[in-house]
C-alpha atoms as a PDB file:
ATOM      1  CA  MET A   1     -83.262 207.550 299.791  1.00  0.00           C
ATOM      2  CA  ASN A   2     -83.605 205.092 296.946  1.00  0.00           C
ATOM      3  CA  THR A   3     -81.128 202.266 297.532  1.00  0.00           C
ATOM      4  CA  GLY A   4     -81.915 200.654 294.173  1.00  0.00           C
ATOM      5  CA  SER A   5     -80.567 203.619 292.237  1.00  0.00           C
ATOM      6  CA  ASP A   6     -77.508 203.719 294.505  1.00  0.00           C
ATOM      7  CA  ARG A   7     -76.788 200.101 293.675  1.00  0.00           C
ATOM      8  CA  ASP A   8     -77.212 200.817 289.969  1.00  0.00           C
ATOM      9  CA  GLY A   9     -74.848 203.747 290.302  1.00  0.00           C
ATOM     10  CA  ASP A  10     -72.324 201.524 292.093  1.00  0.00           C
ATOM     11  CA  ARG A  11     -72.608 198.899 289.354  1.00  0.00           C
ATOM     12  CA  ASN A  12     -72.097 201.539 286.666  1.00  0.00           C
ATOM     13  CA  ALA A  13     -69.090 202.945 288.512  1.00  0.00           C
ATOM     14  CA  GLU A  14     -67.603 199.448 288.840  1.00  0.00           C
ATOM     15  CA  ALA A  15     -68.196 198.783 285.144  1.00  0.00           C
ATOM     16  CA  ASP A  16     -66.548 202.116 284.265  1.00  0.00           C
ATOM     17  CA  ARG A  17     -63.541 201.253 286.457  1.00  0.00           C
ATOM     18  CA  ALA A  18     -63.264 197.796 284.870  1.00  0.00           C
ATOM     19  CA  GLU A  19     -63.354 199.337 281.382  1.00  0.00           C
ATOM     20  CA  ALA A  20     -60.768 201.936 282.387  1.00  0.00           C
ATOM     21  CA  ASP A  21     -58.563 199.176 283.851  1.00  0.00           C
ATOM     22  CA  GLY A  22     -58.885 197.233 280.614  1.00  0.00           C
ATOM     23  CA  ALA A  23     -57.982 200.281 278.543  1.00  0.00           C
ATOM     24  CA  ALA A  24     -55.161 201.255 280.912  1.00  0.00           C
ATOM     25  CA  SER A  25     -53.578 197.801 280.698  1.00  0.00           C
ATOM     26  CA  GLY A  26     -53.515 198.045 276.929  1.00  0.00           C
ATOM     27  CA  GLY A  27     -56.274 195.506 276.426  1.00  0.00           C
ATOM     28  CA  ARG A  28     -59.964 195.460 275.913  1.00  0.00           C
ATOM     29  CA  ALA A  29     -62.493 195.357 278.708  1.00  0.00           C
ATOM     30  CA  LEU A  30     -62.994 192.002 280.377  1.00  0.00           C
ATOM     31  CA  GLY A  31     -65.899 189.761 279.494  1.00  0.00           C
ATOM     32  CA  SER A  32     -67.445 187.754 276.709  1.00  0.00           C
ATOM     33  CA  ARG A  33     -66.536 188.548 273.129  1.00  0.00           C
ATOM     34  CA  ALA A  34     -69.376 186.458 271.719  1.00  0.00           C
ATOM     35  CA  PRO A  35     -71.486 188.099 269.017  1.00  0.00           C
ATOM     36  CA  ALA A  36     -74.344 190.247 270.339  1.00  0.00           C
ATOM     37  CA  PHE A  37     -77.076 187.912 269.041  1.00  0.00           C
ATOM     38  CA  VAL A  38     -75.471 185.053 271.011  1.00  0.00           C
ATOM     39  CA  ARG A  39     -75.168 187.064 274.232  1.00  0.00           C
ATOM     40  CA  GLU A  40     -78.803 188.152 274.010  1.00  0.00           C
ATOM     41  CA  ARG A  41     -80.114 184.570 274.189  1.00  0.00           C
ATOM     42  CA  ARG A  42     -79.248 182.805 277.441  1.00  0.00           C
ATOM     43  CA  ALA A  43     -79.414 179.219 276.148  1.00  0.00           C
ATOM     44  CA  LEU A  44     -77.379 180.079 273.066  1.00  0.00           C
ATOM     45  CA  HIS A  45     -74.796 181.927 275.154  1.00  0.00           C
ATOM     46  CA  VAL A  46     -74.389 178.998 277.564  1.00  0.00           C
ATOM     47  CA  SER A  47     -74.014 176.642 274.595  1.00  0.00           C
ATOM     48  CA  TRP A  48     -71.439 179.012 273.108  1.00  0.00           C
ATOM     49  CA  GLN A  49     -69.507 179.053 276.401  1.00  0.00           C
ATOM     50  CA  VAL A  50     -69.541 175.254 276.620  1.00  0.00           C
ATOM     51  CA  ALA A  51     -68.265 174.983 273.032  1.00  0.00           C
ATOM     52  CA  VAL A  52     -65.512 177.561 273.640  1.00  0.00           C
ATOM     53  CA  PHE A  53     -64.525 175.767 276.852  1.00  0.00           C
ATOM     54  CA  LEU A  54     -64.333 172.365 275.142  1.00  0.00           C
ATOM     55  CA  VAL A  55     -62.309 173.678 272.180  1.00  0.00           C
ATOM     56  CA  GLY A  56     -59.938 175.505 274.561  1.00  0.00           C
ATOM     57  CA  LEU A  57     -59.654 172.406 276.739  1.00  0.00           C
ATOM     58  CA  ALA A  58     -58.746 170.246 273.734  1.00  0.00           C
ATOM     59  CA  VAL A  59     -56.041 172.727 272.708  1.00  0.00           C
ATOM     60  CA  VAL A  60     -54.638 172.990 276.258  1.00  0.00           C
ATOM     61  CA  VAL A  61     -54.580 169.190 276.648  1.00  0.00           C
ATOM     62  CA  ALA A  62     -52.780 168.895 273.291  1.00  0.00           C
ATOM     63  CA  GLY A  63     -50.264 171.462 274.536  1.00  0.00           C
ATOM     64  CA  VAL A  64     -49.711 169.570 277.783  1.00  0.00           C
ATOM     65  CA  LEU A  65     -49.095 166.396 275.777  1.00  0.00           C
ATOM     66  CA  MET A  66     -46.620 168.306 273.617  1.00  0.00           C
ATOM     67  CA  LEU A  67     -44.599 169.149 276.717  1.00  0.00           C
ATOM     68  CA  ALA A  68     -43.561 165.489 276.803  1.00  0.00           C
ATOM     69  CA  LEU A  69     -43.866 164.798 273.068  1.00  0.00           C
ATOM     70  CA  PRO A  70     -42.332 166.741 270.177  1.00  0.00           C
ATOM     71  CA  GLY A  71     -44.107 169.983 269.521  1.00  0.00           C
ATOM     72  CA  PRO A  72     -44.471 173.578 270.702  1.00  0.00           C
ATOM     73  CA  GLY A  73     -46.201 172.725 273.999  1.00  0.00           C
ATOM     74  CA  TRP A  74     -46.177 176.124 275.719  1.00  0.00           C
ATOM     75  CA  VAL A  75     -47.235 177.948 272.562  1.00  0.00           C
ATOM     76  CA  VAL A  76     -50.204 175.612 272.149  1.00  0.00           C
ATOM     77  CA  ILE A  77     -51.139 175.922 275.849  1.00  0.00           C
ATOM     78  CA  PHE A  78     -51.169 179.717 275.579  1.00  0.00           C
ATOM     79  CA  GLY A  79     -53.194 179.367 272.383  1.00  0.00           C
ATOM     80  CA  GLY A  80     -55.792 177.376 274.321  1.00  0.00           C
ATOM     81  CA  MET A  81     -55.769 180.024 277.041  1.00  0.00           C
ATOM     82  CA  ALA A  82     -56.353 182.658 274.347  1.00  0.00           C
ATOM     83  CA  ILE A  83     -59.343 180.668 273.102  1.00  0.00           C
ATOM     84  CA  TRP A  84     -60.713 180.579 276.654  1.00  0.00           C
ATOM     85  CA  GLY A  85     -59.905 184.282 276.955  1.00  0.00           C
ATOM     86  CA  THR A  86     -62.436 185.094 274.240  1.00  0.00           C
ATOM     87  CA  GLU A  87     -65.200 184.065 276.615  1.00  0.00           C
ATOM     88  CA  PHE A  88     -63.999 183.792 280.222  1.00  0.00           C
ATOM     89  CA  THR A  89     -62.820 186.653 282.415  1.00  0.00           C
ATOM     90  CA  TRP A  90     -60.525 184.421 284.499  1.00  0.00           C
ATOM     91  CA  ALA A  91     -58.615 183.390 281.378  1.00  0.00           C
ATOM     92  CA  GLN A  92     -58.323 187.023 280.286  1.00  0.00           C
ATOM     93  CA  LEU A  93     -56.845 187.886 283.683  1.00  0.00           C
ATOM     94  CA  VAL A  94     -54.390 184.965 283.500  1.00  0.00           C
ATOM     95  CA  LEU A  95     -53.290 186.056 280.019  1.00  0.00           C
ATOM     96  CA  ARG A  96     -52.821 189.676 281.170  1.00  0.00           C
ATOM     97  CA  TRP A  97     -50.765 188.495 284.163  1.00  0.00           C
ATOM     98  CA  THR A  98     -48.661 186.247 281.910  1.00  0.00           C
ATOM     99  CA  LYS A  99     -48.083 189.040 279.395  1.00  0.00           C
ATOM    100  CA  ARG A 100     -47.025 191.392 282.205  1.00  0.00           C
ATOM    101  CA  LYS A 101     -44.589 188.817 283.645  1.00  0.00           C
ATOM    102  CA  VAL A 102     -43.078 188.015 280.223  1.00  0.00           C
ATOM    103  CA  THR A 103     -42.617 191.731 279.522  1.00  0.00           C
ATOM    104  CA  GLU A 104     -40.939 192.223 282.913  1.00  0.00           C
ATOM    105  CA  ALA A 105     -38.628 189.249 282.265  1.00  0.00           C
ATOM    106  CA  ALA A 106     -37.716 190.616 278.836  1.00  0.00           C
ATOM    107  CA  GLN A 107     -36.892 193.993 280.371  1.00  0.00           C
ATOM    108  CA  ARG A 108     -34.722 192.316 283.032  1.00  0.00           C
ATOM    109  CA  ALA A 109     -32.937 190.288 280.346  1.00  0.00           C
ATOM    110  CA  LEU A 110     -32.059 193.509 278.507  1.00  0.00           C
ATOM    111  CA  ASP A 111     -30.337 194.892 281.611  1.00  0.00           C
ATOM    112  CA  PRO A 112     -26.598 195.136 280.770  1.00  0.00           C
ATOM    113  CA  ARG A 113     -25.522 193.465 284.037  1.00  0.00           C
ATOM    114  CA  VAL A 114     -27.852 190.526 283.443  1.00  0.00           C
ATOM    115  CA  ARG A 115     -26.679 190.229 279.829  1.00  0.00           C
ATOM    116  CA  ARG A 116     -23.019 190.183 280.944  1.00  0.00           C
ATOM    117  CA  ARG A 117     -23.792 187.531 283.567  1.00  0.00           C
ATOM    118  CA  ASN A 118     -25.638 185.400 280.996  1.00  0.00           C
ATOM    119  CA  ILE A 119     -22.758 185.712 278.512  1.00  0.00           C
ATOM    120  CA  VAL A 120     -20.209 184.728 281.197  1.00  0.00           C
ATOM    121  CA  LEU A 121     -22.325 181.724 282.243  1.00  0.00           C
ATOM    122  CA  THR A 122     -22.745 180.665 278.617  1.00  0.00           C
ATOM    123  CA  VAL A 123     -18.986 180.868 277.985  1.00  0.00           C
ATOM    124  CA  ILE A 124     -18.247 178.883 281.166  1.00  0.00           C
ATOM    125  CA  GLY A 125     -20.820 176.248 280.196  1.00  0.00           C
ATOM    126  CA  THR A 126     -19.361 176.003 276.698  1.00  0.00           C
ATOM    127  CA  VAL A 127     -15.793 175.599 278.030  1.00  0.00           C
ATOM    128  CA  VAL A 128     -16.867 172.903 280.528  1.00  0.00           C
ATOM    129  CA  THR A 129     -18.815 171.049 277.812  1.00  0.00           C
ATOM    130  CA  ALA A 130     -15.870 171.229 275.403  1.00  0.00           C
ATOM    131  CA  ALA A 131     -13.531 169.919 278.134  1.00  0.00           C
ATOM    132  CA  LEU A 132     -15.847 166.990 278.886  1.00  0.00           C
ATOM    133  CA  ILE A 133     -16.142 166.124 275.191  1.00  0.00           C
ATOM    134  CA  SER A 134     -12.337 166.313 274.830  1.00  0.00           C
ATOM    135  CA  VAL A 135     -11.836 163.933 277.776  1.00  0.00           C
ATOM    136  CA  TYR A 136     -14.380 161.504 276.349  1.00  0.00           C
ATOM    137  CA  LEU A 137     -12.771 161.566 272.896  1.00  0.00           C
ATOM    138  CA  ALA A 138      -9.282 161.135 274.374  1.00  0.00           C
ATOM    139  CA  LYS A 139     -10.385 158.121 276.395  1.00  0.00           C
ATOM    140  CA  PHE A 140     -12.783 156.355 274.013  1.00  0.00           C
ATOM    141  CA  GLY A 141     -12.059 157.885 270.620  1.00  0.00           C
ATOM    142  CA  PHE A 142     -14.716 158.895 268.165  1.00  0.00           C
ATOM    143  CA  ARG A 143     -17.124 156.072 268.895  1.00  0.00           C
ATOM    144  CA  ALA A 144     -20.756 156.184 269.911  1.00  0.00           C
ATOM    145  CA  PRO A 145     -21.286 155.068 273.525  1.00  0.00           C
ATOM    146  CA  TRP A 146     -23.997 152.614 272.484  1.00  0.00           C
ATOM    147  CA  ALA A 147     -21.761 150.830 269.941  1.00  0.00           C
ATOM    148  CA  THR A 148     -21.244 147.252 271.170  1.00  0.00           C
ATOM    149  CA  GLU A 149     -18.733 145.768 268.717  1.00  0.00           C
ATOM    150  CA  ASP A 150     -15.383 144.829 270.237  1.00  0.00           C
ATOM    151  CA  ARG A 151     -12.147 146.303 268.952  1.00  0.00           C
END
């Protein structure tokens, strides 16, 4: 028995399953999306991967900074992950997992019971906030808390 051909057959079967999984999940197959001429040359492909990693890293770091500073932090972080996803399988898997979780959360949010609960909580929060503002205005009047001039 030729074990080499068995291994090749196993590799082909695994590749077929991976492609089917990619198609079944609504996405493309996992792996590099670099142009063919780049993938054919090892040194060029490694250089391409390093460049994609550095650009993605810069975008992700900018997104992390935007979590504390003004800006769309999470959007930029996911943009950096998408840049990494053009070249790295692990990033593609993270993005698929994230998309699945966001879709599940959106479906749960559309559940009528969850919507009613969210509306009730929002109304309660609004009433409590309005009551606190009313108490503050009754006690201190319409004056900013940081105003220091004496009356």
